[in-house]
Amino acid sequence: MIDIYDRSQDVRIKEHIIDILEDFEYPSAFQKLKDIALNEKHLDLCLEAIYNLSDMEHPESMSILKDLIKNSKDIQVKTSAVFALEDQDPKEASKILLDMALTSSEKELAETAVYFLEDVLEESQYVRVLQQIYNKSPFIGFITVIRTLG
């Protein structure tokens, strides 16, 4: 499969292979998805690999997602990595999302982090965290908090 992916020029074939690789429990399948997520120039293929990588529940998935959020130059890649955090350990994901909401220099990313915190935190924790974000984040204002609770 990996060889076919590497030789193919057809994006649809590559998308199907990415989906198939998720079902393989071989280290080479994970490594290929990791390579695609980190290095693929075609955005749709990169995004597909991010989601499938997260679904694999590999111990290295979280660190790859953190790397993409921190280092990618593409906001869609960063946002997709944020979405993929939903499939990871909630405690670790909530730490990353809170940090993003408080420190991200990109408003869209900070707001996305706030919205996804709801999916990884208990309700009582979520309200407390929203108060903290509201008080400290340069981007998250009253309107964002109200929409999130709404």
N, C-alpha and C. Protein backbone atom coordinates (compact mmCIF):
# COMPACT_ATOMS: atom_id res chain seq x y z
N MET A 1 0.81 -1.20 0.00
CA MET A 1 0.00 0.00 0.00
C MET A 1 0.86 1.27 0.00
N ILE A 2 1.88 1.24 0.83
CA ILE A 2 2.75 2.42 0.93
C ILE A 2 3.44 2.69 -0.39
N ASP A 3 3.88 1.64 -1.04
CA ASP A 3 4.54 1.79 -2.34
C ASP A 3 3.57 2.35 -3.38
N ILE A 4 2.33 1.89 -3.35
CA ILE A 4 1.32 2.41 -4.29
C ILE A 4 1.08 3.89 -4.01
N TYR A 5 0.98 4.26 -2.73
CA TYR A 5 0.80 5.67 -2.38
C TYR A 5 1.95 6.50 -2.95
N ASP A 6 3.16 6.04 -2.74
CA ASP A 6 4.34 6.80 -3.17
C ASP A 6 4.42 6.94 -4.69
N ARG A 7 3.95 5.95 -5.41
CA ARG A 7 4.03 6.00 -6.88
C ARG A 7 2.85 6.68 -7.53
N SER A 8 1.73 6.75 -6.84
CA SER A 8 0.50 7.29 -7.44
C SER A 8 0.54 8.81 -7.53
N GLN A 9 -0.08 9.32 -8.57
CA GLN A 9 -0.28 10.76 -8.74
C GLN A 9 -1.74 11.13 -8.52
N ASP A 10 -2.60 10.14 -8.37
CA ASP A 10 -4.04 10.33 -8.23
C ASP A 10 -4.40 10.59 -6.76
N VAL A 11 -4.93 11.78 -6.49
CA VAL A 11 -5.26 12.17 -5.11
C VAL A 11 -6.32 11.24 -4.52
N ARG A 12 -7.30 10.84 -5.32
CA ARG A 12 -8.36 9.96 -4.80
C ARG A 12 -7.80 8.61 -4.37
N ILE A 13 -6.88 8.07 -5.13
CA ILE A 13 -6.25 6.80 -4.74
C ILE A 13 -5.46 7.00 -3.45
N LYS A 14 -4.74 8.10 -3.37
CA LYS A 14 -3.97 8.37 -2.16
C LYS A 14 -4.88 8.53 -0.94
N GLU A 15 -6.03 9.19 -1.11
CA GLU A 15 -6.98 9.34 0.00
C GLU A 15 -7.47 7.98 0.49
N HIS A 16 -7.77 7.10 -0.45
CA HIS A 16 -8.23 5.74 -0.07
C HIS A 16 -7.13 4.98 0.65
N ILE A 17 -5.92 5.12 0.21
CA ILE A 17 -4.81 4.43 0.86
C ILE A 17 -4.62 4.96 2.28
N ILE A 18 -4.75 6.26 2.46
CA ILE A 18 -4.64 6.83 3.81
C ILE A 18 -5.70 6.22 4.73
N ASP A 19 -6.92 6.08 4.21
CA ASP A 19 -7.99 5.46 5.01
C ASP A 19 -7.68 4.00 5.33
N ILE A 20 -7.11 3.30 4.39
CA ILE A 20 -6.76 1.88 4.60
C ILE A 20 -5.64 1.75 5.62
N LEU A 21 -4.66 2.63 5.55
CA LEU A 21 -3.52 2.57 6.47
C LEU A 21 -3.95 2.67 7.93
N GLU A 22 -5.01 3.40 8.18
CA GLU A 22 -5.49 3.53 9.56
C GLU A 22 -5.86 2.17 10.16
N ASP A 23 -6.36 1.27 9.32
CA ASP A 23 -6.79 -0.04 9.80
C ASP A 23 -5.64 -1.03 10.00
N PHE A 24 -4.48 -0.70 9.47
CA PHE A 24 -3.32 -1.58 9.65
C PHE A 24 -2.64 -1.27 10.97
N GLU A 25 -2.29 -2.29 11.69
CA GLU A 25 -1.63 -2.09 12.98
C GLU A 25 -0.12 -2.31 12.87
N TYR A 26 0.40 -2.06 11.71
CA TYR A 26 1.83 -2.22 11.50
C TYR A 26 2.55 -0.90 11.74
N PRO A 27 3.73 -0.95 12.31
CA PRO A 27 4.49 0.30 12.52
C PRO A 27 4.71 1.08 11.22
N SER A 28 4.88 0.37 10.12
CA SER A 28 5.11 1.07 8.85
C SER A 28 3.88 1.88 8.42
N ALA A 29 2.68 1.40 8.73
CA ALA A 29 1.46 2.15 8.39
C ALA A 29 1.39 3.43 9.21
N PHE A 30 1.68 3.33 10.50
CA PHE A 30 1.69 4.52 11.35
C PHE A 30 2.76 5.50 10.87
N GLN A 31 3.94 5.01 10.57
CA GLN A 31 5.02 5.89 10.12
C GLN A 31 4.67 6.61 8.83
N LYS A 32 3.97 5.91 7.93
CA LYS A 32 3.57 6.55 6.68
C LYS A 32 2.54 7.65 6.93
N LEU A 33 1.56 7.37 7.78
CA LEU A 33 0.57 8.41 8.11
C LEU A 33 1.25 9.60 8.78
N LYS A 34 2.19 9.33 9.65
CA LYS A 34 2.95 10.39 10.31
C LYS A 34 3.69 11.24 9.27
N ASP A 35 4.35 10.57 8.33
CA ASP A 35 5.08 11.27 7.28
C ASP A 35 4.14 12.13 6.43
N ILE A 36 2.99 11.60 6.09
CA ILE A 36 2.02 12.36 5.30
C ILE A 36 1.52 13.57 6.09
N ALA A 37 1.17 13.36 7.36
CA ALA A 37 0.66 14.45 8.19
C ALA A 37 1.69 15.57 8.34
N LEU A 38 2.94 15.21 8.47
CA LEU A 38 3.98 16.22 8.72
C LEU A 38 4.57 16.82 7.45
N ASN A 39 4.52 16.08 6.33
CA ASN A 39 5.29 16.53 5.16
C ASN A 39 4.52 16.66 3.86
N GLU A 40 3.31 16.15 3.79
CA GLU A 40 2.56 16.17 2.53
C GLU A 40 2.23 17.60 2.11
N LYS A 41 2.49 17.91 0.85
CA LYS A 41 2.23 19.25 0.31
C LYS A 41 0.76 19.45 -0.07
N HIS A 42 0.09 18.37 -0.45
CA HIS A 42 -1.32 18.46 -0.82
C HIS A 42 -2.15 18.53 0.46
N LEU A 43 -2.82 19.66 0.67
CA LEU A 43 -3.51 19.93 1.93
C LEU A 43 -4.54 18.85 2.29
N ASP A 44 -5.37 18.46 1.34
CA ASP A 44 -6.42 17.47 1.64
C ASP A 44 -5.83 16.15 2.12
N LEU A 45 -4.73 15.73 1.54
CA LEU A 45 -4.08 14.49 1.95
C LEU A 45 -3.48 14.63 3.35
N CYS A 46 -2.89 15.76 3.60
CA CYS A 46 -2.33 16.04 4.92
C CYS A 46 -3.42 16.00 5.99
N LEU A 47 -4.54 16.66 5.73
CA LEU A 47 -5.64 16.70 6.70
C LEU A 47 -6.22 15.31 6.93
N GLU A 48 -6.37 14.54 5.88
CA GLU A 48 -6.88 13.17 6.00
C GLU A 48 -5.94 12.33 6.86
N ALA A 49 -4.67 12.50 6.67
CA ALA A 49 -3.68 11.74 7.45
C ALA A 49 -3.74 12.14 8.93
N ILE A 50 -3.96 13.41 9.21
CA ILE A 50 -4.05 13.87 10.60
C ILE A 50 -5.20 13.16 11.31
N TYR A 51 -6.36 13.14 10.69
CA TYR A 51 -7.53 12.50 11.32
C TYR A 51 -7.30 10.99 11.50
N ASN A 52 -6.76 10.36 10.49
CA ASN A 52 -6.54 8.92 10.58
C ASN A 52 -5.44 8.57 11.59
N LEU A 53 -4.46 9.40 11.66
CA LEU A 53 -3.38 9.21 12.64
C LEU A 53 -3.94 9.26 14.06
N SER A 54 -4.80 10.21 14.30
CA SER A 54 -5.40 10.36 15.62
C SER A 54 -6.29 9.16 15.96
N ASP A 55 -7.02 8.66 14.98
CA ASP A 55 -7.91 7.52 15.20
C ASP A 55 -7.16 6.24 15.53
N MET A 56 -5.90 6.17 15.18
CA MET A 56 -5.12 4.95 15.40
C MET A 56 -4.81 4.70 16.89
N GLU A 57 -4.94 5.70 17.72
CA GLU A 57 -4.67 5.59 19.15
C GLU A 57 -3.25 5.08 19.43
N HIS A 58 -2.33 5.57 18.66
CA HIS A 58 -0.91 5.23 18.84
C HIS A 58 -0.34 6.14 19.92
N PRO A 59 0.57 5.65 20.75
CA PRO A 59 1.13 6.50 21.82
C PRO A 59 1.83 7.77 21.32
N GLU A 60 2.28 7.76 20.10
CA GLU A 60 2.99 8.91 19.54
C GLU A 60 2.05 9.94 18.90
N SER A 61 0.78 9.59 18.74
CA SER A 61 -0.17 10.48 18.07
C SER A 61 -0.26 11.86 18.72
N MET A 62 -0.35 11.89 20.04
CA MET A 62 -0.49 13.16 20.74
C MET A 62 0.70 14.08 20.47
N SER A 63 1.90 13.55 20.49
CA SER A 63 3.08 14.41 20.27
C SER A 63 3.11 14.93 18.83
N ILE A 64 2.63 14.14 17.89
CA ILE A 64 2.57 14.60 16.49
C ILE A 64 1.56 15.73 16.36
N LEU A 65 0.40 15.57 16.99
CA LEU A 65 -0.62 16.62 16.94
C LEU A 65 -0.10 17.91 17.58
N LYS A 66 0.57 17.79 18.71
CA LYS A 66 1.16 18.97 19.36
C LYS A 66 2.17 19.65 18.45
N ASP A 67 2.99 18.84 17.77
CA ASP A 67 3.98 19.39 16.85
C ASP A 67 3.30 20.15 15.71
N LEU A 68 2.24 19.58 15.16
CA LEU A 68 1.52 20.25 14.07
C LEU A 68 0.89 21.56 14.54
N ILE A 69 0.31 21.55 15.73
CA ILE A 69 -0.31 22.77 16.27
C ILE A 69 0.75 23.85 16.49
N LYS A 70 1.88 23.45 17.00
CA LYS A 70 2.92 24.42 17.32
C LYS A 70 3.70 24.91 16.10
N ASN A 71 3.98 24.00 15.16
CA ASN A 71 4.94 24.34 14.11
C ASN A 71 4.40 24.51 12.71
N SER A 72 3.18 24.06 12.45
CA SER A 72 2.67 24.20 11.09
C SER A 72 2.43 25.67 10.77
N LYS A 73 2.66 26.03 9.54
CA LYS A 73 2.42 27.39 9.07
C LYS A 73 0.99 27.55 8.54
N ASP A 74 0.30 26.43 8.35
CA ASP A 74 -1.03 26.42 7.76
C ASP A 74 -2.10 26.36 8.85
N ILE A 75 -3.01 27.32 8.90
CA ILE A 75 -4.05 27.37 9.92
C ILE A 75 -4.99 26.18 9.81
N GLN A 76 -5.24 25.67 8.60
CA GLN A 76 -6.12 24.51 8.45
C GLN A 76 -5.48 23.26 9.05
N VAL A 77 -4.20 23.12 8.90
CA VAL A 77 -3.49 21.99 9.50
C VAL A 77 -3.56 22.10 11.02
N LYS A 78 -3.30 23.29 11.54
CA LYS A 78 -3.37 23.49 12.98
C LYS A 78 -4.77 23.20 13.50
N THR A 79 -5.78 23.71 12.83
CA THR A 79 -7.16 23.50 13.26
C THR A 79 -7.54 22.03 13.19
N SER A 80 -7.11 21.34 12.16
CA SER A 80 -7.39 19.91 12.06
C SER A 80 -6.72 19.12 13.18
N ALA A 81 -5.53 19.53 13.54
CA ALA A 81 -4.85 18.88 14.67
C ALA A 81 -5.61 19.13 15.97
N VAL A 82 -6.18 20.32 16.11
CA VAL A 82 -7.01 20.62 17.29
C VAL A 82 -8.23 19.70 17.30
N PHE A 83 -8.91 19.58 16.16
CA PHE A 83 -10.07 18.69 16.07
C PHE A 83 -9.68 17.26 16.44
N ALA A 84 -8.52 16.84 15.98
CA ALA A 84 -8.07 15.47 16.22
C ALA A 84 -7.75 15.22 17.70
N LEU A 85 -7.50 16.26 18.46
CA LEU A 85 -7.25 16.09 19.90
C LEU A 85 -8.44 15.47 20.61
N GLU A 86 -9.62 15.63 20.04
CA GLU A 86 -10.83 15.08 20.64
C GLU A 86 -10.74 13.56 20.81
N ASP A 87 -9.96 12.90 19.97
CA ASP A 87 -9.81 11.45 20.04
C ASP A 87 -8.67 11.01 20.96
N GLN A 88 -8.02 11.96 21.59
CA GLN A 88 -6.87 11.65 22.44
C GLN A 88 -7.27 11.68 23.92
N ASP A 89 -6.31 11.44 24.79
CA ASP A 89 -6.52 11.46 26.22
C ASP A 89 -7.09 12.82 26.64
N PRO A 90 -8.28 12.85 27.25
CA PRO A 90 -8.91 14.13 27.58
C PRO A 90 -8.08 15.01 28.51
N LYS A 91 -7.39 14.42 29.45
CA LYS A 91 -6.59 15.22 30.39
C LYS A 91 -5.46 15.93 29.66
N GLU A 92 -4.75 15.20 28.82
CA GLU A 92 -3.65 15.79 28.05
C GLU A 92 -4.18 16.79 27.02
N ALA A 93 -5.28 16.43 26.35
CA ALA A 93 -5.87 17.31 25.35
C ALA A 93 -6.32 18.62 25.98
N SER A 94 -6.92 18.55 27.18
CA SER A 94 -7.40 19.78 27.82
C SER A 94 -6.24 20.72 28.16
N LYS A 95 -5.09 20.16 28.54
CA LYS A 95 -3.92 21.00 28.83
C LYS A 95 -3.47 21.75 27.58
N ILE A 96 -3.41 21.05 26.47
CA ILE A 96 -2.98 21.65 25.21
C ILE A 96 -3.98 22.72 24.77
N LEU A 97 -5.27 22.39 24.85
CA LEU A 97 -6.31 23.33 24.42
C LEU A 97 -6.33 24.58 25.30
N LEU A 98 -6.18 24.40 26.60
CA LEU A 98 -6.16 25.56 27.50
C LEU A 98 -4.96 26.45 27.19
N ASP A 99 -3.82 25.84 26.99
CA ASP A 99 -2.63 26.61 26.63
C ASP A 99 -2.84 27.39 25.34
N MET A 100 -3.46 26.75 24.35
CA MET A 100 -3.73 27.43 23.08
C MET A 100 -4.69 28.59 23.28
N ALA A 101 -5.74 28.36 24.04
CA ALA A 101 -6.73 29.42 24.27
C ALA A 101 -6.11 30.62 24.96
N LEU A 102 -5.15 30.36 25.83
CA LEU A 102 -4.53 31.45 26.59
C LEU A 102 -3.36 32.12 25.88
N THR A 103 -2.65 31.38 25.02
CA THR A 103 -1.39 31.93 24.50
C THR A 103 -1.30 32.02 22.98
N SER A 104 -2.24 31.44 22.26
CA SER A 104 -2.13 31.47 20.80
C SER A 104 -2.16 32.90 20.28
N SER A 105 -1.31 33.16 19.32
CA SER A 105 -1.30 34.48 18.69
C SER A 105 -2.28 34.55 17.51
N GLU A 106 -2.97 33.43 17.27
CA GLU A 106 -3.95 33.36 16.18
C GLU A 106 -5.34 33.26 16.79
N LYS A 107 -6.16 34.27 16.58
CA LYS A 107 -7.49 34.34 17.19
C LYS A 107 -8.33 33.11 16.82
N GLU A 108 -8.35 32.74 15.56
CA GLU A 108 -9.16 31.60 15.12
C GLU A 108 -8.78 30.32 15.87
N LEU A 109 -7.49 30.12 16.06
CA LEU A 109 -7.02 28.93 16.76
C LEU A 109 -7.39 28.99 18.24
N ALA A 110 -7.26 30.15 18.85
CA ALA A 110 -7.64 30.30 20.26
C ALA A 110 -9.14 30.01 20.45
N GLU A 111 -9.96 30.53 19.57
CA GLU A 111 -11.40 30.29 19.67
C GLU A 111 -11.74 28.82 19.43
N THR A 112 -11.09 28.19 18.49
CA THR A 112 -11.32 26.76 18.23
C THR A 112 -10.97 25.94 19.47
N ALA A 113 -9.88 26.30 20.12
CA ALA A 113 -9.47 25.60 21.34
C ALA A 113 -10.55 25.72 22.41
N VAL A 114 -11.12 26.91 22.55
CA VAL A 114 -12.17 27.12 23.55
C VAL A 114 -13.37 26.22 23.26
N TYR A 115 -13.78 26.17 22.01
CA TYR A 115 -14.94 25.35 21.66
C TYR A 115 -14.68 23.86 21.93
N PHE A 116 -13.48 23.40 21.66
CA PHE A 116 -13.19 21.98 21.85
C PHE A 116 -12.90 21.61 23.29
N LEU A 117 -12.60 22.58 24.12
CA LEU A 117 -12.45 22.28 25.55
C LEU A 117 -13.73 21.69 26.12
N GLU A 118 -14.86 22.13 25.61
CA GLU A 118 -16.14 21.62 26.08
C GLU A 118 -16.24 20.10 25.89
N ASP A 119 -15.62 19.59 24.84
CA ASP A 119 -15.70 18.16 24.54
C ASP A 119 -14.78 17.30 25.41
N VAL A 120 -13.78 17.91 26.02
CA VAL A 120 -12.80 17.13 26.78
C VAL A 120 -12.86 17.38 28.30
N LEU A 121 -13.67 18.33 28.73
CA LEU A 121 -13.76 18.64 30.16
C LEU A 121 -15.15 18.32 30.71
N GLU A 122 -15.19 18.04 31.99
CA GLU A 122 -16.46 17.92 32.70
C GLU A 122 -17.10 19.31 32.74
N GLU A 123 -18.41 19.37 32.85
CA GLU A 123 -19.10 20.65 32.82
C GLU A 123 -18.63 21.60 33.92
N SER A 124 -18.45 21.09 35.13
CA SER A 124 -18.02 21.96 36.24
C SER A 124 -16.61 22.52 35.98
N GLN A 125 -15.74 21.71 35.40
CA GLN A 125 -14.40 22.18 35.06
C GLN A 125 -14.46 23.20 33.93
N TYR A 126 -15.33 22.96 32.97
CA TYR A 126 -15.42 23.80 31.79
C TYR A 126 -15.77 25.24 32.14
N VAL A 127 -16.74 25.44 33.02
CA VAL A 127 -17.14 26.79 33.40
C VAL A 127 -15.97 27.50 34.09
N ARG A 128 -15.28 26.81 34.97
CA ARG A 128 -14.13 27.40 35.67
C ARG A 128 -13.02 27.76 34.68
N VAL A 129 -12.77 26.88 33.72
CA VAL A 129 -11.74 27.13 32.71
C VAL A 129 -12.13 28.30 31.81
N LEU A 130 -13.40 28.38 31.45
CA LEU A 130 -13.87 29.52 30.64
C LEU A 130 -13.64 30.84 31.36
N GLN A 131 -13.89 30.87 32.66
CA GLN A 131 -13.63 32.09 33.43
C GLN A 131 -12.15 32.46 33.38
N GLN A 132 -11.30 31.46 33.52
CA GLN A 132 -9.85 31.70 33.46
C GLN A 132 -9.45 32.24 32.09
N ILE A 133 -9.97 31.63 31.05
CA ILE A 133 -9.65 32.08 29.68
C ILE A 133 -10.15 33.50 29.45
N TYR A 134 -11.37 33.77 29.87
CA TYR A 134 -11.95 35.10 29.69
C TYR A 134 -11.08 36.18 30.37
N ASN A 135 -10.57 35.86 31.54
CA ASN A 135 -9.77 36.83 32.30
C ASN A 135 -8.36 37.01 31.76
N LYS A 136 -7.83 36.02 31.06
CA LYS A 136 -6.41 36.07 30.68
C LYS A 136 -6.13 36.13 29.18
N SER A 137 -7.05 35.67 28.36
CA SER A 137 -6.77 35.60 26.92
C SER A 137 -6.99 36.94 26.23
N PRO A 138 -6.06 37.33 25.36
CA PRO A 138 -6.24 38.58 24.63
C PRO A 138 -7.31 38.49 23.54
N PHE A 139 -7.68 37.26 23.14
CA PHE A 139 -8.62 37.08 22.03
C PHE A 139 -10.01 36.65 22.45
N ILE A 140 -10.11 35.98 23.57
CA ILE A 140 -11.38 35.40 23.95
C ILE A 140 -12.15 36.40 24.80
N GLY A 141 -13.17 36.95 24.19
CA GLY A 141 -13.97 37.95 24.88
C GLY A 141 -15.30 37.41 25.33
N PHE A 142 -16.10 38.29 25.81
CA PHE A 142 -17.41 37.95 26.35
C PHE A 142 -18.28 37.23 25.32
N ILE A 143 -18.28 37.71 24.09
CA ILE A 143 -19.13 37.13 23.05
C ILE A 143 -18.74 35.66 22.81
N THR A 144 -17.46 35.37 22.72
CA THR A 144 -17.01 34.00 22.51
C THR A 144 -17.44 33.10 23.66
N VAL A 145 -17.30 33.59 24.88
CA VAL A 145 -17.71 32.79 26.04
C VAL A 145 -19.20 32.53 26.01
N ILE A 146 -20.00 33.52 25.71
CA ILE A 146 -21.45 33.36 25.65
C ILE A 146 -21.84 32.37 24.55
N ARG A 147 -21.23 32.49 23.38
CA ARG A 147 -21.53 31.55 22.29
C ARG A 147 -21.17 30.12 22.70
N THR A 148 -20.07 29.97 23.39
CA THR A 148 -19.62 28.66 23.81
C THR A 148 -20.59 28.04 24.80
N LEU A 149 -21.09 28.84 25.72
CA LEU A 149 -22.04 28.33 26.71
C LEU A 149 -23.44 28.15 26.14
N GLY A 150 -23.70 28.84 25.03
CA GLY A 150 -25.00 28.97 24.49
C GLY A 150 -25.73 27.86 23.95
